[in-house]
PDB file of N, CA and C in Angstrom:
ATOM      1  N   MET A   1      80.602  72.471 105.386  1.00  0.00           N
ATOM      2  CA  MET A   1      80.904  73.758 105.355  1.00  0.00           C
ATOM      3  C   MET A   1      80.891  74.038 106.725  1.00  0.00           C
ATOM      4  N   LYS A   2      79.650  73.878 107.247  1.00  0.00           N
ATOM      5  CA  LYS A   2      79.523  74.228 108.324  1.00  0.00           C
ATOM      6  C   LYS A   2      80.071  73.576 109.499  1.00  0.00           C
ATOM      7  N   ASN A   3      80.456  72.477 109.358  1.00  0.00           N
ATOM      8  CA  ASN A   3      81.454  72.298 110.076  1.00  0.00           C
ATOM      9  C   ASN A   3      82.938  72.561 110.257  1.00  0.00           C
ATOM     10  N   SER A   4      83.361  73.003 108.995  1.00  0.00           N
ATOM     11  CA  SER A   4      84.600  73.505 108.848  1.00  0.00           C
ATOM     12  C   SER A   4      84.679  74.972 109.717  1.00  0.00           C
ATOM     13  N   LYS A   5      83.623  75.664 109.494  1.00  0.00           N
ATOM     14  CA  LYS A   5      83.295  76.979 110.224  1.00  0.00           C
ATOM     15  C   LYS A   5      83.275  76.923 111.301  1.00  0.00           C
ATOM     16  N   PHE A   6      82.627  75.653 112.137  1.00  0.00           N
ATOM     17  CA  PHE A   6      82.295  75.783 113.411  1.00  0.00           C
ATOM     18  C   PHE A   6      83.788  75.643 114.163  1.00  0.00           C
ATOM     19  N   ILE A   7      84.624  74.677 113.478  1.00  0.00           N
ATOM     20  CA  ILE A   7      86.403  74.459 113.738  1.00  0.00           C
ATOM     21  C   ILE A   7      87.170  75.725 113.560  1.00  0.00           C
ATOM     22  N   PHE A   8      87.120  76.583 112.594  1.00  0.00           N
ATOM     23  CA  PHE A   8      87.706  77.810 112.376  1.00  0.00           C
ATOM     24  C   PHE A   8      87.181  78.481 113.851  1.00  0.00           C
ATOM     25  N   ASP A   9      85.859  78.787 114.232  1.00  0.00           N
ATOM     26  CA  ASP A   9      85.650  79.709 114.980  1.00  0.00           C
ATOM     27  C   ASP A   9      86.257  79.091 116.179  1.00  0.00           C
ATOM     28  N   LYS A  10      85.999  77.499 116.554  1.00  0.00           N
ATOM     29  CA  LYS A  10      86.790  77.478 117.759  1.00  0.00           C
ATOM     30  C   LYS A  10      88.381  77.817 117.927  1.00  0.00           C
ATOM     31  N   PHE A  11      89.139  77.645 116.904  1.00  0.00           N
ATOM     32  CA  PHE A  11      90.512  77.987 117.001  1.00  0.00           C
ATOM     33  C   PHE A  11      90.806  79.382 116.890  1.00  0.00           C
ATOM     34  N   THR A  12      89.718  80.330 116.207  1.00  0.00           N
ATOM     35  CA  THR A  12      90.226  81.474 116.735  1.00  0.00           C
ATOM     36  C   THR A  12      89.883  82.128 117.838  1.00  0.00           C
ATOM     37  N   LYS A  13      88.687  81.740 118.768  1.00  0.00           N
ATOM     38  CA  LYS A  13      88.375  81.859 119.724  1.00  0.00           C
ATOM     39  C   LYS A  13      89.666  81.232 120.858  1.00  0.00           C
ATOM     40  N   LEU A  14      90.340  80.308 120.533  1.00  0.00           N
ATOM     41  CA  LEU A  14      91.280  79.589 121.485  1.00  0.00           C
ATOM     42  C   LEU A  14      92.534  81.030 121.268  1.00  0.00           C
ATOM     43  N   PHE A  15      92.940  81.325 120.107  1.00  0.00           N
ATOM     44  CA  PHE A  15      93.815  82.026 120.050  1.00  0.00           C
ATOM     45  C   PHE A  15      93.526  83.685 120.793  1.00  0.00           C
ATOM     46  N   GLU A  16      92.427  83.958 120.397  1.00  0.00           N
ATOM     47  CA  GLU A  16      91.754  85.392 121.293  1.00  0.00           C
ATOM     48  C   GLU A  16      92.183  85.046 122.627  1.00  0.00           C
ATOM     49  N   GLN A  17      92.074  84.230 123.222  1.00  0.00           N
ATOM     50  CA  GLN A  17      92.334  84.051 124.704  1.00  0.00           C
ATOM     51  C   GLN A  17      93.465  83.874 125.235  1.00  0.00           C
ATOM     52  N   GLY A  18      94.421  83.513 124.420  1.00  0.00           N
ATOM     53  CA  GLY A  18      95.665  83.473 124.540  1.00  0.00           C
ATOM     54  C   GLY A  18      96.199  82.255 124.999  1.00  0.00           C
ATOM     55  N   LEU A  19      95.779  80.693 124.536  1.00  0.00           N
ATOM     56  CA  LEU A  19      95.970  79.925 124.913  1.00  0.00           C
ATOM     57  C   LEU A  19      97.077  79.358 123.929  1.00  0.00           C
ATOM     58  N   ILE A  20      98.226  79.626 124.621  1.00  0.00           N
ATOM     59  CA  ILE A  20      99.789  79.580 123.627  1.00  0.00           C
ATOM     60  C   ILE A  20     100.069  78.396 124.312  1.00  0.00           C
ATOM     61  N   SER A  21      99.951  78.093 125.379  1.00  0.00           N
ATOM     62  CA  SER A  21     100.738  76.783 125.950  1.00  0.00           C
ATOM     63  C   SER A  21      99.722  75.507 125.285  1.00  0.00           C
ATOM     64  N   SER A  22     100.784  74.524 124.730  1.00  0.00           N
ATOM     65  CA  SER A  22     100.547  73.005 124.055  1.00  0.00           C
ATOM     66  C   SER A  22      99.391  72.472 124.985  1.00  0.00           C
ATOM     67  N   LYS A  23      99.681  72.086 126.067  1.00  0.00           N
ATOM     68  CA  LYS A  23      98.860  71.531 127.141  1.00  0.00           C
ATOM     69  C   LYS A  23      97.394  72.204 127.298  1.00  0.00           C
ATOM     70  N   ASP A  24      97.630  73.658 127.362  1.00  0.00           N
ATOM     71  CA  ASP A  24      96.101  74.170 127.198  1.00  0.00           C
ATOM     72  C   ASP A  24      95.439  74.177 126.230  1.00  0.00           C
ATOM     73  N   LEU A  25      96.312  73.762 125.223  1.00  0.00           N
ATOM     74  CA  LEU A  25      95.408  73.919 124.033  1.00  0.00           C
ATOM     75  C   LEU A  25      95.100  72.389 123.558  1.00  0.00           C
ATOM     76  N   LYS A  26      95.862  71.589 124.015  1.00  0.00           N
ATOM     77  CA  LYS A  26      95.382  70.130 123.987  1.00  0.00           C
ATOM     78  C   LYS A  26      93.971  70.052 124.818  1.00  0.00           C
ATOM     79  N   ASN A  27      94.246  70.412 126.106  1.00  0.00           N
ATOM     80  CA  ASN A  27      92.714  69.996 126.923  1.00  0.00           C
ATOM     81  C   ASN A  27      91.683  70.956 126.289  1.00  0.00           C
ATOM     82  N   GLU A  28      91.903  72.046 125.503  1.00  0.00           N
ATOM     83  CA  GLU A  28      90.667  72.820 125.130  1.00  0.00           C
ATOM     84  C   GLU A  28      90.025  71.931 123.852  1.00  0.00           C
ATOM     85  N   LEU A  29      90.977  71.420 123.095  1.00  0.00           N
ATOM     86  CA  LEU A  29      90.376  70.820 121.879  1.00  0.00           C
ATOM     87  C   LEU A  29      89.938  69.235 122.331  1.00  0.00           C
ATOM     88  N   ILE A  30      90.356  68.940 123.125  1.00  0.00           N
ATOM     89  CA  ILE A  30      89.543  67.452 123.816  1.00  0.00           C
ATOM     90  C   ILE A  30      88.460  68.114 124.674  1.00  0.00           C
ATOM     91  N   THR A  31      88.169  69.156 125.067  1.00  0.00           N
ATOM     92  CA  THR A  31      86.915  69.524 125.860  1.00  0.00           C
ATOM     93  C   THR A  31      85.481  69.611 124.485  1.00  0.00           C
ATOM     94  N   ILE A  32      86.310  70.645 123.422  1.00  0.00           N
ATOM     95  CA  ILE A  32      85.301  70.670 122.127  1.00  0.00           C
ATOM     96  C   ILE A  32      85.244  69.479 121.702  1.00  0.00           C
ATOM     97  N   LEU A  33      85.963  68.388 121.049  1.00  0.00           N
ATOM     98  CA  LEU A  33      85.532  67.408 120.776  1.00  0.00           C
ATOM     99  C   LEU A  33      84.578  66.350 121.736  1.00  0.00           C
ATOM    100  N   LYS A  34      84.880  66.235 122.954  1.00  0.00           N
ATOM    101  CA  LYS A  34      83.808  65.519 123.683  1.00  0.00           C
ATOM    102  C   LYS A  34      82.375  66.348 123.867  1.00  0.00           C
ATOM    103  N   SER A  35      82.187  67.627 123.517  1.00  0.00           N
ATOM    104  CA  SER A  35      80.901  68.169 124.002  1.00  0.00           C
ATOM    105  C   SER A  35      80.479  67.789 122.244  1.00  0.00           C
ATOM    106  N   LYS A  36      81.241  67.963 121.227  1.00  0.00           N
ATOM    107  CA  LYS A  36      80.698  67.374 119.934  1.00  0.00           C
ATOM    108  C   LYS A  36      80.177  65.995 120.104  1.00  0.00           C
ATOM    109  N   ARG A  37      81.214  65.403 120.890  1.00  0.00           N
ATOM    110  CA  ARG A  37      80.794  63.665 120.464  1.00  0.00           C
ATOM    111  C   ARG A  37      79.237  63.497 121.497  1.00  0.00           C
ATOM    112  N   ASP A  38      79.187  64.188 122.475  1.00  0.00           N
ATOM    113  CA  ASP A  38      78.067  64.256 123.490  1.00  0.00           C
ATOM    114  C   ASP A  38      76.714  64.872 122.652  1.00  0.00           C
ATOM    115  N   GLU A  39      77.141  65.626 121.941  1.00  0.00           N
ATOM    116  CA  GLU A  39      75.654  66.395 120.982  1.00  0.00           C
ATOM    117  C   GLU A  39      75.471  65.465 120.034  1.00  0.00           C
ATOM    118  N   ILE A  40      76.374  64.876 119.435  1.00  0.00           N
ATOM    119  CA  ILE A  40      75.776  63.799 118.418  1.00  0.00           C
ATOM    120  C   ILE A  40      75.042  62.456 119.029  1.00  0.00           C
ATOM    121  N   VAL A  41      75.554  62.156 119.959  1.00  0.00           N
ATOM    122  CA  VAL A  41      74.974  61.226 120.951  1.00  0.00           C
ATOM    123  C   VAL A  41      73.698  61.473 121.163  1.00  0.00           C
ATOM    124  N   PHE A  42      73.468  62.567 121.496  1.00  0.00           N
ATOM    125  CA  PHE A  42      72.119  63.390 122.199  1.00  0.00           C
ATOM    126  C   PHE A  42      71.171  63.107 120.801  1.00  0.00           C
ATOM    127  N   LYS A  43      71.373  63.685 120.090  1.00  0.00           N
ATOM    128  CA  LYS A  43      70.901  63.948 118.591  1.00  0.00           C
ATOM    129  C   LYS A  43      70.626  62.395 117.986  1.00  0.00           C
ATOM    130  N   MET A  44      71.233  61.412 118.329  1.00  0.00           N
ATOM    131  CA  MET A  44      70.735  60.073 118.256  1.00  0.00           C
ATOM    132  C   MET A  44      70.398  59.250 118.917  1.00  0.00           C
ATOM    133  N   LYS A  45      69.943  59.924 119.996  1.00  0.00           N
ATOM    134  CA  LYS A  45      69.101  59.007 120.905  1.00  0.00           C
ATOM    135  C   LYS A  45      69.115  57.798 121.369  1.00  0.00           C
ATOM    136  N   LEU A  46      70.387  57.680 121.772  1.00  0.00           N
ATOM    137  CA  LEU A  46      71.281  56.265 122.288  1.00  0.00           C
ATOM    138  C   LEU A  46      71.205  56.188 123.594  1.00  0.00           C
ATOM    139  N   THR A  47      71.193  55.098 123.896  1.00  0.00           N
ATOM    140  CA  THR A  47      70.548  54.660 125.413  1.00  0.00           C
ATOM    141  C   THR A  47      71.829  54.948 126.249  1.00  0.00           C
ATOM    142  N   SER A  48      71.372  55.017 127.397  1.00  0.00           N
ATOM    143  CA  SER A  48      72.787  55.444 128.630  1.00  0.00           C
ATOM    144  C   SER A  48      73.490  54.294 128.921  1.00  0.00           C
ATOM    145  N   LYS A  49      74.436  54.500 129.627  1.00  0.00           N
ATOM    146  CA  LYS A  49      75.354  53.102 129.921  1.00  0.00           C
ATOM    147  C   LYS A  49      74.621  52.223 130.802  1.00  0.00           C
ATOM    148  N   GLU A  50      73.756  52.958 131.757  1.00  0.00           N
ATOM    149  CA  GLU A  50      73.373  52.069 133.139  1.00  0.00           C
ATOM    150  C   GLU A  50      71.843  51.014 131.768  1.00  0.00           C
ATOM    151  N   GLU A  51      71.236  51.951 131.127  1.00  0.00           N
ATOM    152  CA  GLU A  51      70.331  51.276 130.278  1.00  0.00           C
ATOM    153  C   GLU A  51      71.004  49.913 129.591  1.00  0.00           C
ATOM    154  N   TYR A  52      71.976  50.442 128.875  1.00  0.00           N
ATOM    155  CA  TYR A  52      72.722  49.158 128.169  1.00  0.00           C
ATOM    156  C   TYR A  52      73.058  47.873 128.811  1.00  0.00           C
ATOM    157  N   GLU A  53      73.698  48.236 130.479  1.00  0.00           N
ATOM    158  CA  GLU A  53      73.801  47.173 131.226  1.00  0.00           C
ATOM    159  C   GLU A  53      72.933  46.107 131.286  1.00  0.00           C
ATOM    160  N   VAL A  54      71.591  46.734 131.382  1.00  0.00           N
ATOM    161  CA  VAL A  54      70.350  46.501 131.928  1.00  0.00           C
ATOM    162  C   VAL A  54      69.976  45.812 130.945  1.00  0.00           C
ATOM    163  N   LEU A  55      69.755  45.974 129.687  1.00  0.00           N
ATOM    164  CA  LEU A  55      69.558  45.516 128.505  1.00  0.00           C
ATOM    165  C   LEU A  55      70.344  44.067 128.311  1.00  0.00           C
ATOM    166  N   SER A  56      71.684  44.075 128.385  1.00  0.00           N
ATOM    167  CA  SER A  56      72.481  43.218 127.959  1.00  0.00           C
ATOM    168  C   SER A  56      72.360  42.144 129.479  1.00  0.00           C
ATOM    169  N   LYS A  57      72.258  42.493 130.542  1.00  0.00           N
ATOM    170  CA  LYS A  57      71.859  41.275 131.189  1.00  0.00           C
ATOM    171  C   LYS A  57      70.324  40.463 131.165  1.00  0.00           C
ATOM    172  N   ARG A  58      69.503  41.482 130.545  1.00  0.00           N
ATOM    173  CA  ARG A  58      68.112  40.399 129.974  1.00  0.00           C
ATOM    174  C   ARG A  58      68.323  39.670 128.992  1.00  0.00           C
ATOM    175  N   VAL A  59      68.971  40.150 128.163  1.00  0.00           N
ATOM    176  CA  VAL A  59      69.383  39.174 126.844  1.00  0.00           C
ATOM    177  C   VAL A  59      70.310  38.149 127.293  1.00  0.00           C
ATOM    178  N   GLU A  60      71.396  38.285 128.360  1.00  0.00           N
ATOM    179  CA  GLU A  60      71.621  36.936 128.646  1.00  0.00           C
ATOM    180  C   GLU A  60      70.847  36.201 129.468  1.00  0.00           C
ATOM    181  N   ASN A  61      70.077  36.419 130.400  1.00  0.00           N
ATOM    182  CA  ASN A  61      68.844  35.612 130.665  1.00  0.00           C
ATOM    183  C   ASN A  61      68.141  34.955 129.951  1.00  0.00           C
ATOM    184  N   LEU A  62      67.867  35.571 128.967  1.00  0.00           N
ATOM    185  CA  LEU A  62      66.711  35.596 128.106  1.00  0.00           C
ATOM    186  C   LEU A  62      67.938  33.885 126.843  1.00  0.00           C
ATOM    187  N   GLU A  63      68.808  33.969 126.778  1.00  0.00           N
ATOM    188  CA  GLU A  63      70.117  33.167 125.985  1.00  0.00           C
ATOM    189  C   GLU A  63      69.627  32.081 127.058  1.00  0.00           C
ATOM    190  N   LYS A  64      70.154  32.076 128.404  1.00  0.00           N
ATOM    191  CA  LYS A  64      70.444  31.101 129.430  1.00  0.00           C
ATOM    192  C   LYS A  64      68.885  30.004 129.278  1.00  0.00           C
ATOM    193  N   ARG A  65      67.697  30.980 129.125  1.00  0.00           N
ATOM    194  CA  ARG A  65      66.653  30.272 129.333  1.00  0.00           C
ATOM    195  C   ARG A  65      65.945  29.384 127.849  1.00  0.00           C
ATOM    196  N   ILE A  66      66.718  29.970 126.871  1.00  0.00           N
ATOM    197  CA  ILE A  66      66.309  29.115 125.668  1.00  0.00           C
ATOM    198  C   ILE A  66      67.524  28.139 125.539  1.00  0.00           C
ATOM    199  N   GLU A  67      68.408  28.059 126.089  1.00  0.00           N
ATOM    200  CA  GLU A  67      69.518  27.007 126.004  1.00  0.00           C
ATOM    201  C   GLU A  67      68.739  26.180 127.057  1.00  0.00           C
ATOM    202  N   LYS A  68      68.533  26.406 128.070  1.00  0.00           N
ATOM    203  CA  LYS A  68      67.815  25.043 129.322  1.00  0.00           C
ATOM    204  C   LYS A  68      66.599  24.493 128.495  1.00  0.00           C
ATOM    205  N   LEU A  69      65.622  25.652 127.646  1.00  0.00           N
ATOM    206  CA  LEU A  69      64.611  24.697 127.191  1.00  0.00           C
ATOM    207  C   LEU A  69      64.890  23.899 125.978  1.00  0.00           C
ATOM    208  N   ASN A  70      66.063  24.393 125.348  1.00  0.00           N
ATOM    209  CA  ASN A  70      66.665  23.457 124.452  1.00  0.00           C
ATOM    210  C   ASN A  70      66.832  22.140 124.877  1.00  0.00           C
ATOM    211  N   SER A  71      67.881  22.562 125.811  1.00  0.00           N
ATOM    212  CA  SER A  71      68.458  20.959 126.641  1.00  0.00           C
ATOM    213  C   SER A  71      67.308  20.160 127.061  1.00  0.00           C
ATOM    214  N   GLN A  72      66.209  20.656 127.701  1.00  0.00           N
ATOM    215  CA  GLN A  72      65.155  19.958 128.455  1.00  0.00           C
ATOM    216  C   GLN A  72      63.943  19.106 127.185  1.00  0.00           C
ATOM    217  N   LYS A  73      64.028  19.758 126.098  1.00  0.00           N
ATOM    218  CA  LYS A  73      63.448  19.464 124.829  1.00  0.00           C
ATOM    219  C   LYS A  73      64.457  18.123 124.431  1.00  0.00           C
ATOM    220  N   LYS A  74      65.483  18.341 124.152  1.00  0.00           N
ATOM    221  CA  LYS A  74      66.226  17.087 124.055  1.00  0.00           C
ATOM    222  C   LYS A  74      66.456  15.814 124.712  1.00  0.00           C
ATOM    223  N   LYS A  75      66.072  16.312 126.225  1.00  0.00           N
ATOM    224  CA  LYS A  75      65.990  14.885 126.914  1.00  0.00           C
ATOM    225  C   LYS A  75      64.895  14.125 126.944  1.00  0.00           C
ATOM    226  N   SER A  76      63.802  15.119 126.595  1.00  0.00           N
ATOM    227  CA  SER A  76      62.489  14.664 126.843  1.00  0.00           C
ATOM    228  C   SER A  76      61.937  13.777 125.606  1.00  0.00           C
ATOM    229  N   THR A  77      62.643  13.978 124.617  1.00  0.00           N
ATOM    230  CA  THR A  77      62.361  13.532 123.216  1.00  0.00           C
ATOM    231  C   THR A  77      63.122  12.045 123.436  1.00  0.00           C
ATOM    232  N   LYS A  78      62.511  10.741 123.031  1.00  0.00           N
ATOM    233  CA  LYS A  78      62.674   9.712 123.176  1.00  0.00           C
ATOM    234  C   LYS A  78      62.430   8.629 122.074  1.00  0.00           C
ATOM    235  N   ARG A  79      63.569   8.317 121.176  1.00  0.00           N
ATOM    236  CA  ARG A  79      62.834   7.451 120.186  1.00  0.00           C
ATOM    237  C   ARG A  79      62.622   6.022 120.418  1.00  0.00           C
ATOM    238  N   ALA A  80      61.400   5.511 119.886  1.00  0.00           N
ATOM    239  CA  ALA A  80      60.983   4.232 120.701  1.00  0.00           C
ATOM    240  C   ALA A  80      61.669   3.041 119.635  1.00  0.00           C
ATOM    241  N   LYS A  81      61.989   1.919 120.111  1.00  0.00           N
ATOM    242  CA  LYS A  81      62.891   1.026 119.582  1.00  0.00           C
ATOM    243  C   LYS A  81      61.851  -0.079 118.567  1.00  0.00           C
ATOM    244  N   ARG A  82      62.690  -0.203 117.218  1.00  0.00           N
ATOM    245  CA  ARG A  82      61.581  -1.006 116.327  1.00  0.00           C
ATOM    246  C   ARG A  82      61.802  -2.499 116.987  1.00  0.00           C
ATOM    247  N   SER A  83      60.940  -3.101 116.723  1.00  0.00           N
ATOM    248  CA  SER A  83      61.077  -4.745 117.219  1.00  0.00           C
ATOM    249  C   SER A  83      61.097  -5.409 115.783  1.00  0.00           C
TER     250      SER A  83
END
């Protein structure tokens, strides 16, 4: 109910301001939706794009290290021949 009231309030505000053109209406709706999205993201406390990129690079580096260690481990283990 709260969300529907929010949407109705925004529509009434648009009509009060006299935004009749479809282009103006479209731009206003996009602005409203973007602000709602930003509000939701802020509430969820998600990381920013820069933080995400840094974390993904760190994970890639760790994966490379793990692969390198696994390959070294396989090379270093040798089986003795039975006589």
